[in-house]
Amino acid sequence: MSIGFFTEKEHQPENDEILEVLRSKRNAWEELTSFVTETYRLSAELRF
């Protein structure tokens, strides 16, 4: 049983792949990242 969606360390997931995994939670994710970006004036950074 896999503990996550992105378990291959050689392949960094693209933004589209991440959004596909989020599916029904995509809107909530986008609202959260927008809130954090606007409230704390941070830029999004994907770390893998």
N, C-alpha and C. Protein backbone atom coordinates (compact mmCIF):
# COMPACT_ATOMS: atom_id res chain seq x y z
N MET A 1 0.84 -1.18 0.00
CA MET A 1 0.00 0.00 0.00
C MET A 1 0.89 1.24 0.00
N SER A 2 0.60 2.15 -0.90
CA SER A 2 1.39 3.37 -1.03
C SER A 2 1.02 4.37 0.07
N ILE A 3 2.02 5.10 0.56
CA ILE A 3 1.76 6.10 1.59
C ILE A 3 1.51 7.48 1.00
N GLY A 4 1.61 7.60 -0.32
CA GLY A 4 1.41 8.89 -0.96
C GLY A 4 1.25 8.73 -2.46
N PHE A 5 0.98 9.82 -3.12
CA PHE A 5 0.81 9.79 -4.57
C PHE A 5 2.12 9.93 -5.30
N PHE A 6 3.02 10.72 -4.79
CA PHE A 6 4.27 11.02 -5.47
C PHE A 6 5.41 10.39 -4.68
N THR A 7 5.66 9.13 -4.97
CA THR A 7 6.68 8.40 -4.21
C THR A 7 7.97 8.19 -4.99
N GLU A 8 7.97 8.47 -6.29
CA GLU A 8 9.18 8.33 -7.10
C GLU A 8 10.05 9.56 -6.93
N LYS A 9 11.18 9.39 -6.30
CA LYS A 9 12.06 10.52 -6.01
C LYS A 9 12.74 11.08 -7.25
N GLU A 10 12.79 10.31 -8.33
CA GLU A 10 13.42 10.77 -9.56
C GLU A 10 12.52 11.69 -10.38
N HIS A 11 11.23 11.70 -10.07
CA HIS A 11 10.26 12.48 -10.86
C HIS A 11 9.60 13.55 -9.99
N GLN A 12 9.93 14.79 -10.23
CA GLN A 12 9.28 15.89 -9.52
C GLN A 12 7.93 16.14 -10.18
N PRO A 13 6.84 16.09 -9.44
CA PRO A 13 5.52 16.29 -10.04
C PRO A 13 5.34 17.71 -10.56
N GLU A 14 4.67 17.81 -11.70
CA GLU A 14 4.32 19.09 -12.29
C GLU A 14 3.06 19.62 -11.61
N ASN A 15 2.82 20.91 -11.75
CA ASN A 15 1.65 21.53 -11.14
C ASN A 15 0.36 20.83 -11.59
N ASP A 16 0.26 20.49 -12.88
CA ASP A 16 -0.93 19.82 -13.40
C ASP A 16 -1.15 18.46 -12.74
N GLU A 17 -0.07 17.74 -12.47
CA GLU A 17 -0.19 16.44 -11.81
C GLU A 17 -0.70 16.59 -10.38
N ILE A 18 -0.22 17.61 -9.70
CA ILE A 18 -0.65 17.86 -8.33
C ILE A 18 -2.14 18.21 -8.30
N LEU A 19 -2.55 19.08 -9.21
CA LEU A 19 -3.96 19.48 -9.26
C LEU A 19 -4.86 18.29 -9.61
N GLU A 20 -4.39 17.38 -10.44
CA GLU A 20 -5.16 16.18 -10.78
C GLU A 20 -5.39 15.31 -9.54
N VAL A 21 -4.37 15.19 -8.71
CA VAL A 21 -4.49 14.39 -7.48
C VAL A 21 -5.47 15.05 -6.50
N LEU A 22 -5.46 16.37 -6.46
CA LEU A 22 -6.34 17.09 -5.53
C LEU A 22 -7.82 16.95 -5.88
N ARG A 23 -8.13 16.83 -7.15
CA ARG A 23 -9.49 16.68 -7.67
C ARG A 23 -10.50 17.54 -6.96
N SER A 24 -11.35 16.95 -6.13
CA SER A 24 -12.45 17.70 -5.49
C SER A 24 -11.96 18.73 -4.49
N LYS A 25 -10.74 18.62 -4.06
CA LYS A 25 -10.18 19.57 -3.08
C LYS A 25 -9.43 20.71 -3.75
N ARG A 26 -9.44 20.72 -5.08
CA ARG A 26 -8.68 21.72 -5.83
C ARG A 26 -9.09 23.15 -5.47
N ASN A 27 -10.38 23.42 -5.42
CA ASN A 27 -10.84 24.78 -5.09
C ASN A 27 -10.38 25.20 -3.70
N ALA A 28 -10.47 24.29 -2.74
CA ALA A 28 -10.02 24.59 -1.38
C ALA A 28 -8.52 24.88 -1.37
N TRP A 29 -7.75 24.10 -2.12
CA TRP A 29 -6.30 24.31 -2.20
C TRP A 29 -5.98 25.68 -2.80
N GLU A 30 -6.67 26.03 -3.88
CA GLU A 30 -6.42 27.32 -4.52
C GLU A 30 -6.84 28.48 -3.62
N GLU A 31 -7.93 28.32 -2.87
CA GLU A 31 -8.34 29.35 -1.92
C GLU A 31 -7.31 29.51 -0.81
N LEU A 32 -6.81 28.40 -0.30
CA LEU A 32 -5.80 28.44 0.76
C LEU A 32 -4.52 29.10 0.29
N THR A 33 -4.02 28.69 -0.89
CA THR A 33 -2.78 29.29 -1.37
C THR A 33 -2.95 30.77 -1.69
N SER A 34 -4.11 31.15 -2.19
CA SER A 34 -4.38 32.57 -2.45
C SER A 34 -4.42 33.36 -1.16
N PHE A 35 -5.07 32.81 -0.14
CA PHE A 35 -5.15 33.48 1.16
C PHE A 35 -3.76 33.69 1.76
N VAL A 36 -2.95 32.65 1.75
CA VAL A 36 -1.60 32.74 2.32
C VAL A 36 -0.77 33.75 1.53
N THR A 37 -0.86 33.69 0.21
CA THR A 37 -0.10 34.62 -0.63
C THR A 37 -0.48 36.06 -0.37
N GLU A 38 -1.79 36.33 -0.31
CA GLU A 38 -2.27 37.70 -0.12
C GLU A 38 -2.08 38.20 1.31
N THR A 39 -2.36 37.35 2.29
CA THR A 39 -2.29 37.75 3.69
C THR A 39 -0.85 37.95 4.17
N TYR A 40 0.02 37.04 3.80
CA TYR A 40 1.39 37.07 4.31
C TYR A 40 2.40 37.54 3.27
N ARG A 41 1.91 37.91 2.10
CA ARG A 41 2.76 38.39 1.00
C ARG A 41 3.91 37.43 0.70
N LEU A 42 3.54 36.17 0.60
CA LEU A 42 4.51 35.12 0.28
C LEU A 42 4.29 34.65 -1.14
N SER A 43 5.32 34.16 -1.76
CA SER A 43 5.15 33.56 -3.08
C SER A 43 5.19 32.03 -2.93
N ALA A 44 4.42 31.39 -3.78
CA ALA A 44 4.36 29.92 -3.70
C ALA A 44 5.66 29.31 -4.20
N GLU A 45 6.08 28.26 -3.52
CA GLU A 45 7.29 27.56 -3.91
C GLU A 45 7.09 26.08 -3.65
N LEU A 46 7.25 25.30 -4.70
CA LEU A 46 7.12 23.85 -4.57
C LEU A 46 8.48 23.28 -4.19
N ARG A 47 8.51 22.55 -3.12
CA ARG A 47 9.74 21.87 -2.70
C ARG A 47 9.52 20.38 -2.82
N PHE A 48 10.48 19.71 -3.39
CA PHE A 48 10.36 18.28 -3.62
C PHE A 48 11.60 17.58 -3.14
